[in-house]
Amino acid sequence: MNRKTLVLSAVAGLLTPALAACGGSGSGGGGGDAIVVGTTDRFTASSDAPAPLDPAFAYDVGSWNILRQTVQTLMVQPRGEGDPVPEAAENCGFTDTGNERYACKLRSDLTFSDGDPVTAADVKFSIDRALAIKSDSEVWALLSTIDTVETHGDNEVIFHLKTADATFPFKLSTPVAGIVNPKDYDKKKLRDGFDIDGSGPYTMHAEVKDNELVKATFTKNPHYDGLLKPKNDTVELKSFDDADSMGAALDKGDIDVMTRTMSPEQIRKLQNANGGNVNLVEMAGLEIRFLGFDTDAPSVKNKAVRQAMAQIIDRAALVAKVYGTQAQPLYSLVAAGVTGHANSFFNRYSEPSVAKARSLLTEAGVTTPVKLTLHYTTDHYGPATAKEFEVLRQQLNASGLFDVGIEGTPWNKFRKAEQKGRYDVYGMGWFPDFPDADNYLAPFLDADNTLGSPYANSEIRNTLIPRSRRQADRLSASKSLTDIQGIVAKDVPVIPLWQGKQYVAARDDVTGSEYAMNSSSTLQLWELGRGVSD
């Protein structure tokens, strides 16, 4: 197959998938006609998180990728990115000039996968349920601008907002706004385990071992009525322990498609291979990585310590040593290419400088070296995370101003510990809920933020975020958004590190791989089909 490049419409022109023919052996995935997709995402039910796939709790890219196949939302991100469009709804829109009243009319004869009708009352139930449960994942905060939900008959839903929120249509496209059947979901508590019932394009059967989902089988839902057009009847999503075992399964033909997260070495190998029957799809991505701080912790409570770290870290060297061309340095919480992005950290700190960092600490009366532990998750963001944190450790310690250790923890323990404030400094990634600058800022800086961070800035929360949400034209919101980023660079509740590209590897008899994942790492399994690629 010849190298080929496709250009698709995307957020600020970001998405430009390139397909390259790469090496691989075997004749195609098992499971009959099912398209088999591999992932290193892990799905675990535990005493701390017994309901990993309940829309009112789930708040990570892996669980959302399962929910997006099965639970329908009023709005959905279109194939080529851009503003959300009606999905379970026939039409939606603001009905006032202040962006505070949003009305949706449901498609007629919409049904759940068991044939029960989907009504406006079910939409209200689902939204009210997420807000009432207020799970500790903080996913409900995406809906926090809702005051009341009103229904008119069986087909019309009206959302009355507490304050203007131009991003609200995006929020209705996220799984926390997924429509669930009241007979399957309790209004006051989460649904434990891995069962999902909805009105999305697929139904799901979960194969569970030791409280962990090892395979999800998605079967085309005959009752589905919506915007999406599934190009297959069955997709199997298999969870692997690591990227190497996932890659070996692709080589053997046990899977057809390899998604997140591949190792940098695997990607380089596929990029450099000639011939073969595996295609690597590369596209610009909106994923970011950053260091977060418990700003109340004694070791980092002094702002100068965090500022000094921001002054020392060499993002370009970090990316070059660990990710190469697969990532780029990032100088703001907002991903480059998203309207409102500003290089606020570069503007404030410029190039890395130990001398400037020393001055910051000396002026603040901080005794050096500052002793810290950087915490990271071993199994959620890919196999290169450990190397990334070793490079960070080396950079900080080489300055002589810090005495840094690193500690890795599996995601199912790491996430809970981070939210409970057990880590002074920790590494996190963010796959945006929707491609708007607000979603890179409010989830970390607003009240009830997803990090559980104690950092609070009244100007950000009370003035700048609300002001930005009053602007339906997101370009007009840029001033407020860039002001927020400037405050973040000064106060340093987080340190942005890098922004990554997205990759999918697929056997060449699988079609639609260039659309199988969007720039936010959302799996779009309905795009995959069988055929002969051209």
Protein backbone atom coordinates (compact mmCIF):
# COMPACT_ATOMS: atom_id res chain seq x y z
CA MET A 1 0.00 0.00 0.00
CA ASN A 2 1.28 3.44 -0.84
CA ARG A 3 1.69 6.16 1.74
CA LYS A 4 -1.32 8.45 1.69
CA THR A 5 -2.48 11.54 3.52
CA LEU A 6 -6.05 12.63 4.22
CA VAL A 7 -7.13 16.02 5.48
CA LEU A 8 -10.27 16.28 7.61
CA SER A 9 -12.00 19.28 9.11
CA ALA A 10 -11.15 19.71 12.77
CA VAL A 11 -10.73 22.04 15.74
CA ALA A 12 -8.70 24.99 14.44
CA GLY A 13 -7.48 22.80 11.56
CA LEU A 14 -5.66 20.45 13.93
CA LEU A 15 -6.71 17.07 12.63
CA THR A 16 -4.62 15.91 9.69
CA PRO A 17 -4.46 12.11 9.73
CA ALA A 18 -1.62 10.45 7.89
CA LEU A 19 -1.85 6.78 6.97
CA ALA A 20 1.38 4.92 6.42
CA ALA A 21 1.69 1.28 5.40
CA CYS A 22 3.61 -0.53 8.10
CA GLY A 23 4.91 -3.94 9.06
CA GLY A 24 3.03 -6.79 10.69
CA SER A 25 2.15 -10.43 10.15
CA GLY A 26 -0.93 -12.59 10.40
CA SER A 27 -4.16 -12.49 8.47
CA GLY A 28 -6.64 -10.60 10.64
CA GLY A 29 -8.44 -10.57 13.94
CA GLY A 30 -10.24 -13.46 15.48
CA GLY A 31 -13.82 -13.54 16.68
CA GLY A 32 -15.42 -14.31 13.31
CA ASP A 33 -16.64 -11.17 11.59
CA ALA A 34 -16.23 -9.10 14.74
CA ILE A 35 -13.69 -6.31 14.50
CA VAL A 36 -11.35 -6.74 17.46
CA VAL A 37 -9.87 -3.61 19.02
CA GLY A 38 -7.10 -3.55 21.60
CA THR A 39 -6.59 -1.03 24.39
CA THR A 40 -4.42 -0.74 27.49
CA ASP A 41 -7.24 1.01 29.36
CA ARG A 42 -8.19 -0.93 32.48
CA PHE A 43 -11.70 -1.16 33.88
CA THR A 44 -11.82 -2.25 37.51
CA ALA A 45 -14.62 -2.41 40.05
CA SER A 46 -13.39 -1.94 43.62
CA SER A 47 -14.71 -1.03 47.03
CA ASP A 48 -13.66 2.59 46.38
CA ALA A 49 -15.14 2.63 42.86
CA PRO A 50 -17.76 -0.11 42.54
CA ALA A 51 -19.60 1.52 39.59
CA PRO A 52 -16.93 2.26 36.97
CA LEU A 53 -19.37 2.46 34.05
CA ASP A 54 -22.25 4.38 35.58
CA PRO A 55 -22.64 7.66 33.63
CA ALA A 56 -23.08 9.47 36.94
CA PHE A 57 -19.63 8.31 38.08
CA ALA A 58 -17.40 7.50 35.10
CA TYR A 59 -14.90 10.24 34.35
CA ASP A 60 -11.89 8.95 32.47
CA VAL A 61 -11.29 8.49 28.77
CA GLY A 62 -11.44 4.67 28.92
CA SER A 63 -14.82 4.37 30.62
CA TRP A 64 -16.23 7.20 28.52
CA ASN A 65 -15.16 5.33 25.40
CA ILE A 66 -17.37 2.44 26.47
CA LEU A 67 -20.29 4.68 27.38
CA ARG A 68 -20.14 6.59 24.09
CA GLN A 69 -20.92 3.37 22.22
CA THR A 70 -23.88 2.43 24.40
CA VAL A 71 -25.51 5.44 26.08
CA GLN A 72 -27.08 8.07 23.85
CA THR A 73 -26.77 11.80 24.46
CA LEU A 74 -28.89 14.67 23.20
CA MET A 75 -25.91 16.08 21.32
CA VAL A 76 -22.79 14.48 19.82
CA GLN A 77 -19.47 15.59 18.39
CA PRO A 78 -19.64 15.34 14.58
CA ARG A 79 -17.35 13.08 12.59
CA GLY A 80 -14.98 15.86 11.58
CA GLU A 81 -14.98 17.64 14.97
CA GLY A 82 -16.54 21.11 15.28
CA ASP A 83 -19.60 22.19 17.23
CA PRO A 84 -21.86 19.43 18.59
CA VAL A 85 -24.93 18.41 16.61
CA PRO A 86 -28.23 16.78 17.65
CA GLU A 87 -28.09 13.01 18.28
CA ALA A 88 -30.95 11.73 20.47
CA ALA A 89 -32.45 15.14 19.87
CA GLU A 90 -34.04 16.24 16.62
CA ASN A 91 -33.01 19.81 17.34
CA CYS A 92 -31.59 21.83 20.23
CA GLY A 93 -30.77 25.46 20.83
CA PHE A 94 -30.74 28.44 23.13
CA THR A 95 -34.11 30.18 23.16
CA ASP A 96 -32.94 33.42 24.77
CA THR A 97 -30.24 35.99 24.08
CA GLY A 98 -28.50 35.36 27.41
CA ASN A 99 -27.56 31.69 26.86
CA GLU A 100 -29.54 30.66 29.96
CA ARG A 101 -32.46 28.70 28.47
CA TYR A 102 -31.70 25.68 26.29
CA ALA A 103 -34.44 23.57 24.68
CA CYS A 104 -34.27 20.20 22.94
CA LYS A 105 -36.88 18.26 21.01
CA LEU A 106 -36.33 14.49 21.02
CA ARG A 107 -36.47 12.35 17.92
CA SER A 108 -39.87 10.72 17.57
CA ASP A 109 -40.21 7.00 18.43
CA LEU A 110 -36.82 6.91 20.19
CA THR A 111 -36.35 3.70 22.22
CA PHE A 112 -33.93 2.07 24.63
CA SER A 113 -32.21 -1.12 23.53
CA ASP A 114 -34.93 -3.21 25.20
CA GLY A 115 -37.65 -1.45 23.22
CA ASP A 116 -38.89 0.86 25.97
CA PRO A 117 -39.64 4.38 24.69
CA VAL A 118 -37.21 7.18 25.49
CA THR A 119 -39.09 10.22 26.74
CA ALA A 120 -38.31 13.70 27.95
CA ALA A 121 -38.96 12.41 31.47
CA ASP A 122 -36.08 9.93 31.03
CA VAL A 123 -33.76 12.76 30.00
CA LYS A 124 -34.78 14.76 33.08
CA PHE A 125 -34.34 11.69 35.28
CA SER A 126 -30.83 11.06 33.95
CA ILE A 127 -29.64 14.64 34.42
CA ASP A 128 -31.29 15.08 37.82
CA ARG A 129 -29.83 11.74 38.92
CA ALA A 130 -26.23 12.72 38.13
CA LEU A 131 -26.67 16.03 39.95
CA ALA A 132 -28.35 14.41 42.96
CA ILE A 133 -25.78 11.62 43.42
CA LYS A 134 -22.83 14.02 43.13
CA SER A 135 -20.31 11.20 42.85
CA ASP A 136 -16.82 11.85 44.13
CA SER A 137 -15.42 11.62 40.60
CA GLU A 138 -16.82 15.18 40.25
CA VAL A 139 -18.16 14.41 36.77
CA TRP A 140 -21.48 15.94 37.79
CA ALA A 141 -19.76 19.34 37.85
CA LEU A 142 -20.00 19.38 34.04
CA LEU A 143 -23.73 19.90 34.58
CA SER A 144 -23.40 22.31 37.51
CA THR A 145 -24.71 25.32 35.59
CA ILE A 146 -28.14 23.63 35.37
CA ASP A 147 -30.74 25.08 37.70
CA THR A 148 -33.81 23.05 36.74
CA VAL A 149 -34.87 20.64 34.00
CA GLU A 150 -38.39 21.06 32.65
CA THR A 151 -40.35 18.76 30.34
CA HIS A 152 -43.19 19.58 27.94
CA GLY A 153 -44.95 16.41 26.91
CA ASP A 154 -42.92 13.35 25.98
CA ASN A 155 -40.60 14.98 23.48
CA GLU A 156 -39.45 18.38 24.75
CA VAL A 157 -36.82 19.12 27.40
CA ILE A 158 -35.94 22.62 28.60
CA PHE A 159 -32.83 23.35 30.63
CA HIS A 160 -32.92 26.48 32.79
CA LEU A 161 -29.36 27.49 33.65
CA LYS A 162 -28.14 29.31 36.74
CA THR A 163 -25.89 31.46 34.63
CA ALA A 164 -24.99 31.91 30.98
CA ASP A 165 -23.10 28.92 29.58
CA ALA A 166 -22.24 28.98 25.88
CA THR A 167 -20.45 25.64 26.33
CA PHE A 168 -23.63 23.88 27.44
CA PRO A 169 -24.29 22.13 24.08
CA PHE A 170 -20.84 20.54 24.38
CA LYS A 171 -21.65 19.33 27.89
CA LEU A 172 -24.81 17.63 26.63
CA SER A 173 -22.59 15.57 24.32
CA THR A 174 -20.65 14.03 27.23
CA PRO A 175 -21.54 10.67 28.85
CA VAL A 176 -22.58 12.23 32.17
CA ALA A 177 -25.55 13.59 30.21
CA GLY A 178 -26.27 10.12 28.80
CA ILE A 179 -29.92 9.04 28.83
CA VAL A 180 -30.60 6.01 31.05
CA ASN A 181 -33.76 4.04 31.76
CA PRO A 182 -35.20 4.66 35.26
CA LYS A 183 -36.05 0.97 35.56
CA ASP A 184 -32.34 0.08 35.29
CA TYR A 185 -30.78 2.92 37.30
CA ASP A 186 -31.64 3.94 40.85
CA LYS A 187 -32.24 7.66 41.28
CA LYS A 188 -30.27 7.90 44.49
CA LYS A 189 -27.33 5.51 44.09
CA LEU A 190 -24.83 4.31 41.53
CA ARG A 191 -25.20 1.10 39.57
CA ASP A 192 -22.42 -1.24 40.63
CA GLY A 193 -20.57 -3.49 38.22
CA PHE A 194 -20.23 -3.38 34.45
CA ASP A 195 -23.80 -3.57 33.16
CA ILE A 196 -24.92 -0.76 30.84
CA ASP A 197 -28.35 -0.16 29.35
CA GLY A 198 -29.04 2.73 27.00
CA SER A 199 -30.27 3.74 23.57
CA GLY A 200 -26.89 4.12 21.83
CA PRO A 201 -25.66 2.46 18.63
CA TYR A 202 -24.55 -0.71 20.46
CA THR A 203 -25.46 -2.95 23.33
CA MET A 204 -22.59 -4.32 25.39
CA HIS A 205 -21.77 -7.68 26.94
CA ALA A 206 -19.03 -7.56 29.57
CA GLU A 207 -16.57 -10.37 30.17
CA VAL A 208 -15.29 -9.92 33.71
CA LYS A 209 -12.43 -11.61 35.56
CA ASP A 210 -11.47 -10.79 39.14
CA ASN A 211 -13.62 -7.65 39.16
CA GLU A 212 -11.97 -6.39 35.98
CA LEU A 213 -13.50 -5.99 32.54
CA VAL A 214 -11.24 -7.92 30.16
CA LYS A 215 -13.44 -7.83 27.05
CA ALA A 216 -16.46 -5.79 26.01
CA THR A 217 -18.49 -7.07 23.06
CA PHE A 218 -20.49 -4.38 21.31
CA THR A 219 -23.39 -5.56 19.18
CA LYS A 220 -25.29 -3.28 16.84
CA ASN A 221 -28.49 -2.10 18.55
CA PRO A 222 -31.48 -2.81 16.28
CA HIS A 223 -33.54 -0.21 18.15
CA TYR A 224 -31.03 2.60 17.71
CA ASP A 225 -32.26 5.78 16.06
CA GLY A 226 -29.76 8.61 15.87
CA LEU A 227 -27.17 10.44 13.85
CA LEU A 228 -24.48 7.74 13.91
CA LYS A 229 -24.35 5.07 11.18
CA PRO A 230 -22.52 1.95 12.41
CA LYS A 231 -20.49 0.29 9.66
CA ASN A 232 -20.21 -3.03 11.49
CA ASP A 233 -22.40 -5.44 13.41
CA THR A 234 -19.99 -6.39 16.20
CA VAL A 235 -16.87 -4.93 17.77
CA GLU A 236 -14.86 -6.52 20.57
CA LEU A 237 -12.78 -4.26 22.82
CA LYS A 238 -10.02 -6.20 24.58
CA SER A 239 -8.08 -4.79 27.51
CA PHE A 240 -4.35 -5.63 27.66
CA ASP A 241 -1.94 -5.39 30.56
CA ASP A 242 0.55 -3.36 28.56
CA ALA A 243 1.43 -2.03 25.12
CA ASP A 244 3.82 -4.89 24.34
CA SER A 245 1.15 -7.59 24.79
CA MET A 246 -1.30 -5.50 22.75
CA GLY A 247 1.27 -5.16 19.96
CA ALA A 248 2.00 -8.88 20.01
CA ALA A 249 -1.73 -9.56 19.62
CA LEU A 250 -1.82 -7.31 16.55
CA ASP A 251 1.20 -9.09 15.05
CA LYS A 252 -0.42 -12.50 15.60
CA GLY A 253 -3.73 -11.38 14.15
CA ASP A 254 -5.60 -11.73 17.45
CA ILE A 255 -6.77 -8.13 17.14
CA ASP A 256 -7.49 -5.93 14.12
CA VAL A 257 -6.96 -2.48 15.60
CA MET A 258 -4.57 -1.13 18.23
CA THR A 259 -5.54 2.07 20.04
CA ARG A 260 -4.41 3.88 23.14
CA THR A 261 -1.91 3.59 24.46
CA MET A 262 0.98 2.48 22.27
CA SER A 263 4.57 2.95 23.38
CA PRO A 264 6.81 5.49 21.63
CA GLU A 265 8.97 2.58 20.45
CA GLN A 266 6.00 0.82 18.86
CA ILE A 267 4.95 3.98 17.06
CA ARG A 268 8.46 4.63 15.75
CA LYS A 269 8.69 1.03 14.51
CA LEU A 270 5.39 1.30 12.67
CA GLN A 271 6.32 4.68 11.22
CA ASN A 272 9.60 3.36 9.83
CA ALA A 273 8.34 0.02 8.51
CA ASN A 274 8.03 -0.56 4.77
CA GLY A 275 5.32 -2.76 3.32
CA GLY A 276 3.25 -5.09 5.46
CA ASN A 277 -0.45 -5.07 6.13
CA VAL A 278 -0.81 -2.75 9.12
CA ASN A 279 -1.61 0.94 8.69
CA LEU A 280 -0.63 3.54 11.27
CA VAL A 281 -2.94 6.54 11.50
CA GLU A 282 -1.36 9.65 12.99
CA MET A 283 -3.37 12.73 13.86
CA ALA A 284 -2.91 15.86 15.91
CA GLY A 285 -4.35 15.44 19.37
CA LEU A 286 -5.73 17.51 22.21
CA GLU A 287 -4.37 15.32 25.01
CA ILE A 288 -2.20 17.16 27.54
CA ARG A 289 0.00 16.15 30.47
CA PHE A 290 0.76 18.24 33.53
CA LEU A 291 1.99 18.22 37.09
CA GLY A 292 -0.63 18.99 39.73
CA PHE A 293 -0.07 20.27 43.26
CA ASP A 294 -1.83 20.02 46.58
CA THR A 295 -1.30 23.72 47.19
CA ASP A 296 -2.08 23.27 50.92
CA ALA A 297 0.72 20.72 51.41
CA PRO A 298 3.64 22.16 53.43
CA SER A 299 6.27 21.13 50.87
CA VAL A 300 4.68 23.12 48.01
CA LYS A 301 2.43 25.59 49.81
CA ASN A 302 4.91 28.39 49.16
CA LYS A 303 4.18 29.58 45.63
CA ALA A 304 7.89 30.16 45.03
CA VAL A 305 8.57 26.40 45.17
CA ARG A 306 6.07 25.76 42.40
CA GLN A 307 7.34 28.73 40.41
CA ALA A 308 10.92 27.48 40.72
CA MET A 309 9.88 24.08 39.35
CA ALA A 310 8.19 25.81 36.44
CA GLN A 311 11.39 27.79 35.85
CA ILE A 312 13.63 24.70 35.84
CA ILE A 313 11.65 22.10 33.85
CA ASP A 314 12.90 21.84 30.28
CA ARG A 315 9.87 20.69 28.29
CA ALA A 316 11.71 20.48 24.98
CA ALA A 317 14.36 18.18 26.43
CA LEU A 318 11.69 16.10 28.19
CA VAL A 319 9.73 15.57 24.98
CA ALA A 320 12.86 14.87 22.91
CA LYS A 321 14.15 12.22 25.34
CA VAL A 322 10.86 10.42 25.90
CA TYR A 323 8.38 11.04 23.07
CA GLY A 324 10.30 12.51 20.14
CA THR A 325 8.02 13.75 17.37
CA GLN A 326 4.98 12.17 19.03
CA ALA A 327 4.47 15.16 21.33
CA GLN A 328 5.24 18.86 21.64
CA PRO A 329 6.08 21.10 24.61
CA LEU A 330 3.06 22.78 26.17
CA TYR A 331 3.11 26.12 27.98
CA SER A 332 -0.51 26.38 29.11
CA LEU A 333 -3.32 24.21 30.42
CA VAL A 334 -5.15 24.91 27.15
CA ALA A 335 -3.94 22.77 24.25
CA ALA A 336 -2.32 24.54 21.33
CA GLY A 337 -4.74 25.00 18.44
CA VAL A 338 -7.77 25.48 20.68
CA THR A 339 -9.30 28.96 20.50
CA GLY A 340 -8.11 30.94 23.51
CA HIS A 341 -4.76 29.15 23.93
CA ALA A 342 -1.91 31.33 25.23
CA ASN A 343 1.72 30.38 25.93
CA SER A 344 1.38 31.81 29.42
CA PHE A 345 4.15 29.76 31.08
CA PHE A 346 6.67 30.58 28.35
CA ASN A 347 5.69 34.24 28.50
CA ARG A 348 6.36 34.29 32.24
CA TYR A 349 9.35 31.96 32.61
CA SER A 350 10.87 31.91 29.10
CA GLU A 351 13.75 29.41 28.76
CA PRO A 352 14.68 27.10 31.67
CA SER A 353 17.01 28.85 34.14
CA VAL A 354 18.46 27.53 37.38
CA ALA A 355 19.66 31.03 38.29
CA LYS A 356 16.15 32.49 38.05
CA ALA A 357 14.75 29.56 40.03
CA ARG A 358 17.34 30.10 42.75
CA SER A 359 16.39 33.78 42.95
CA LEU A 360 12.71 32.90 43.35
CA LEU A 361 13.46 30.55 46.24
CA THR A 362 15.96 32.89 47.90
CA GLU A 363 13.59 35.87 47.80
CA ALA A 364 10.85 33.72 49.36
CA GLY A 365 13.19 32.48 52.10
CA VAL A 366 12.88 28.84 51.04
CA THR A 367 15.62 26.52 52.29
CA THR A 368 17.17 24.35 49.60
CA PRO A 369 17.26 21.64 48.50
CA VAL A 370 13.48 21.25 48.63
CA LYS A 371 12.62 17.61 49.25
CA LEU A 372 9.69 16.29 47.14
CA THR A 373 8.20 13.07 45.75
CA LEU A 374 6.65 13.14 42.29
CA HIS A 375 3.83 10.61 42.01
CA TYR A 376 2.69 9.07 38.72
CA THR A 377 0.40 6.27 37.57
CA THR A 378 2.05 3.18 36.15
CA ASP A 379 -0.71 1.84 33.92
CA HIS A 380 -2.99 4.61 32.66
CA TYR A 381 -1.10 6.96 30.36
CA GLY A 382 1.19 4.53 28.59
CA PRO A 383 4.49 2.76 29.25
CA ALA A 384 6.64 5.88 28.75
CA THR A 385 5.30 7.60 31.89
CA ALA A 386 7.96 6.09 34.16
CA LYS A 387 10.74 7.35 31.87
CA GLU A 388 9.08 10.78 31.72
CA PHE A 389 9.15 11.10 35.49
CA GLU A 390 12.73 9.91 35.67
CA VAL A 391 13.68 12.74 33.29
CA LEU A 392 11.74 15.23 35.43
CA ARG A 393 13.53 13.95 38.53
CA GLN A 394 16.90 14.35 36.86
CA GLN A 395 16.16 17.88 35.68
CA LEU A 396 15.02 19.09 39.09
CA ASN A 397 17.81 17.39 41.01
CA ALA A 398 20.48 18.60 38.60
CA SER A 399 19.62 22.16 39.61
CA GLY A 400 20.82 21.50 43.17
CA LEU A 401 17.67 23.25 44.40
CA PHE A 402 15.55 20.11 44.77
CA ASP A 403 15.89 16.62 46.21
CA VAL A 404 13.25 14.73 44.27
CA GLY A 405 12.15 11.11 44.34
CA ILE A 406 9.53 9.46 42.15
CA GLU A 407 6.88 6.85 42.96
CA GLY A 408 4.55 4.97 40.59
CA THR A 409 1.14 3.55 41.56
CA PRO A 410 -1.53 1.66 39.57
CA TRP A 411 -4.36 3.91 38.38
CA ASN A 412 -7.13 2.36 40.49
CA LYS A 413 -5.19 3.35 43.64
CA PHE A 414 -3.46 6.45 42.27
CA ARG A 415 -6.63 8.31 41.30
CA LYS A 416 -8.30 7.88 44.67
CA ALA A 417 -5.16 8.87 46.55
CA GLU A 418 -4.76 11.99 44.39
CA GLN A 419 -8.36 13.08 44.95
CA LYS A 420 -7.99 12.60 48.69
CA GLY A 421 -4.96 14.89 48.80
CA ARG A 422 -2.38 12.22 49.62
CA TYR A 423 0.10 13.47 47.03
CA ASP A 424 1.88 16.82 47.22
CA VAL A 425 2.91 16.62 43.55
CA TYR A 426 1.45 14.27 40.97
CA GLY A 427 1.32 13.72 37.23
CA MET A 428 -1.97 13.75 35.39
CA GLY A 429 -3.20 13.69 31.83
CA TRP A 430 -6.29 15.30 30.39
CA PHE A 431 -8.33 14.28 27.40
CA PRO A 432 -10.84 17.11 26.96
CA ASP A 433 -14.50 16.38 27.51
CA PHE A 434 -15.10 18.71 24.58
CA PRO A 435 -12.74 20.83 22.45
CA ASP A 436 -13.20 24.22 24.09
CA ALA A 437 -10.71 26.16 26.23
CA ASP A 438 -13.23 26.23 29.09
CA ASN A 439 -12.81 22.47 29.46
CA TYR A 440 -9.09 22.81 30.06
CA LEU A 441 -9.61 25.42 32.77
CA ALA A 442 -12.86 25.03 34.71
CA PRO A 443 -12.38 21.31 35.58
CA PHE A 444 -9.15 22.19 37.43
CA LEU A 445 -9.78 25.71 38.68
CA ASP A 446 -13.49 25.98 39.49
CA ALA A 447 -15.20 24.87 42.68
CA ASP A 448 -15.74 21.08 42.85
CA ASN A 449 -12.81 20.60 40.47
CA THR A 450 -11.97 17.12 39.29
CA LEU A 451 -8.52 17.14 40.95
CA GLY A 452 -9.92 17.88 44.37
CA SER A 453 -7.42 20.75 44.39
CA PRO A 454 -7.65 23.25 47.26
CA TYR A 455 -6.39 26.03 44.97
CA ALA A 456 -8.99 28.80 44.66
CA ASN A 457 -8.73 32.12 42.87
CA SER A 458 -11.78 34.33 43.25
CA GLU A 459 -11.14 36.30 40.08
CA ILE A 460 -11.02 33.10 38.02
CA ARG A 461 -14.08 31.54 39.64
CA ASN A 462 -16.32 34.54 40.12
CA THR A 463 -15.46 36.72 37.16
CA LEU A 464 -13.38 35.21 34.36
CA ILE A 465 -15.00 31.77 33.95
CA PRO A 466 -18.57 33.18 34.08
CA ARG A 467 -17.64 36.00 31.70
CA SER A 468 -16.10 33.59 29.18
CA ARG A 469 -19.22 31.43 29.22
CA ARG A 470 -21.41 34.37 28.24
CA GLN A 471 -19.64 34.52 24.87
CA ALA A 472 -21.28 32.29 22.27
CA ASP A 473 -18.55 33.38 19.86
CA ARG A 474 -15.60 31.63 21.50
CA LEU A 475 -13.12 33.97 19.86
CA SER A 476 -14.77 36.79 21.79
CA ALA A 477 -14.12 34.85 25.00
CA SER A 478 -10.37 34.75 24.36
CA LYS A 479 -9.53 37.74 26.57
CA SER A 480 -11.08 36.14 29.66
CA LEU A 481 -9.55 32.78 28.82
CA THR A 482 -6.04 34.16 28.35
CA ASP A 483 -6.36 36.15 31.58
CA ILE A 484 -7.08 32.89 33.41
CA GLN A 485 -3.99 31.29 31.89
CA GLY A 486 -1.88 34.25 33.00
CA ILE A 487 -3.04 33.83 36.61
CA VAL A 488 -2.30 30.10 36.45
CA ALA A 489 1.25 30.81 35.26
CA LYS A 490 1.74 33.20 38.18
CA ASP A 491 0.19 31.02 40.92
CA VAL A 492 1.24 27.63 39.45
CA PRO A 493 -1.41 25.28 40.84
CA VAL A 494 -0.36 23.10 37.90
CA ILE A 495 2.59 22.95 35.49
CA PRO A 496 1.70 22.02 31.90
CA LEU A 497 4.27 19.71 30.29
CA TRP A 498 3.36 18.49 26.83
CA GLN A 499 0.65 17.87 24.25
CA GLY A 500 0.44 14.56 22.41
CA LYS A 501 -0.58 13.24 19.03
CA GLN A 502 -3.08 10.42 18.57
CA TYR A 503 -2.37 7.06 16.92
CA VAL A 504 -4.37 4.09 15.70
CA ALA A 505 -2.82 1.00 14.08
CA ALA A 506 -5.17 -1.14 11.98
CA ARG A 507 -4.91 -4.07 9.63
CA ASP A 508 -5.46 -3.03 6.04
CA ASP A 509 -8.74 -4.93 5.64
CA VAL A 510 -10.27 -2.62 8.26
CA THR A 511 -11.82 0.55 6.90
CA GLY A 512 -12.54 3.79 8.74
CA SER A 513 -9.47 3.66 11.00
CA GLU A 514 -8.77 7.33 10.27
CA TYR A 515 -12.05 8.16 12.02
CA ALA A 516 -11.85 5.53 14.78
CA MET A 517 -10.49 8.06 17.27
CA ASN A 518 -10.96 11.80 17.34
CA SER A 519 -8.52 14.39 18.66
CA SER A 520 -9.91 14.02 22.20
CA SER A 521 -9.14 10.25 22.16
CA THR A 522 -12.82 9.40 21.83
CA LEU A 523 -13.26 5.95 20.29
CA GLN A 524 -15.78 5.98 17.45
CA LEU A 525 -16.14 2.25 16.92
CA TRP A 526 -19.12 2.75 14.64
CA GLU A 527 -16.73 4.07 11.98
CA LEU A 528 -14.90 0.74 11.60
CA GLY A 529 -15.81 -1.67 8.84
CA ARG A 530 -14.48 -4.57 6.79
CA GLY A 531 -13.29 -4.12 3.24
CA VAL A 532 -10.29 -3.51 1.05
CA SER A 533 -8.60 -0.18 1.61
CA ASP A 534 -7.59 1.83 -1.43
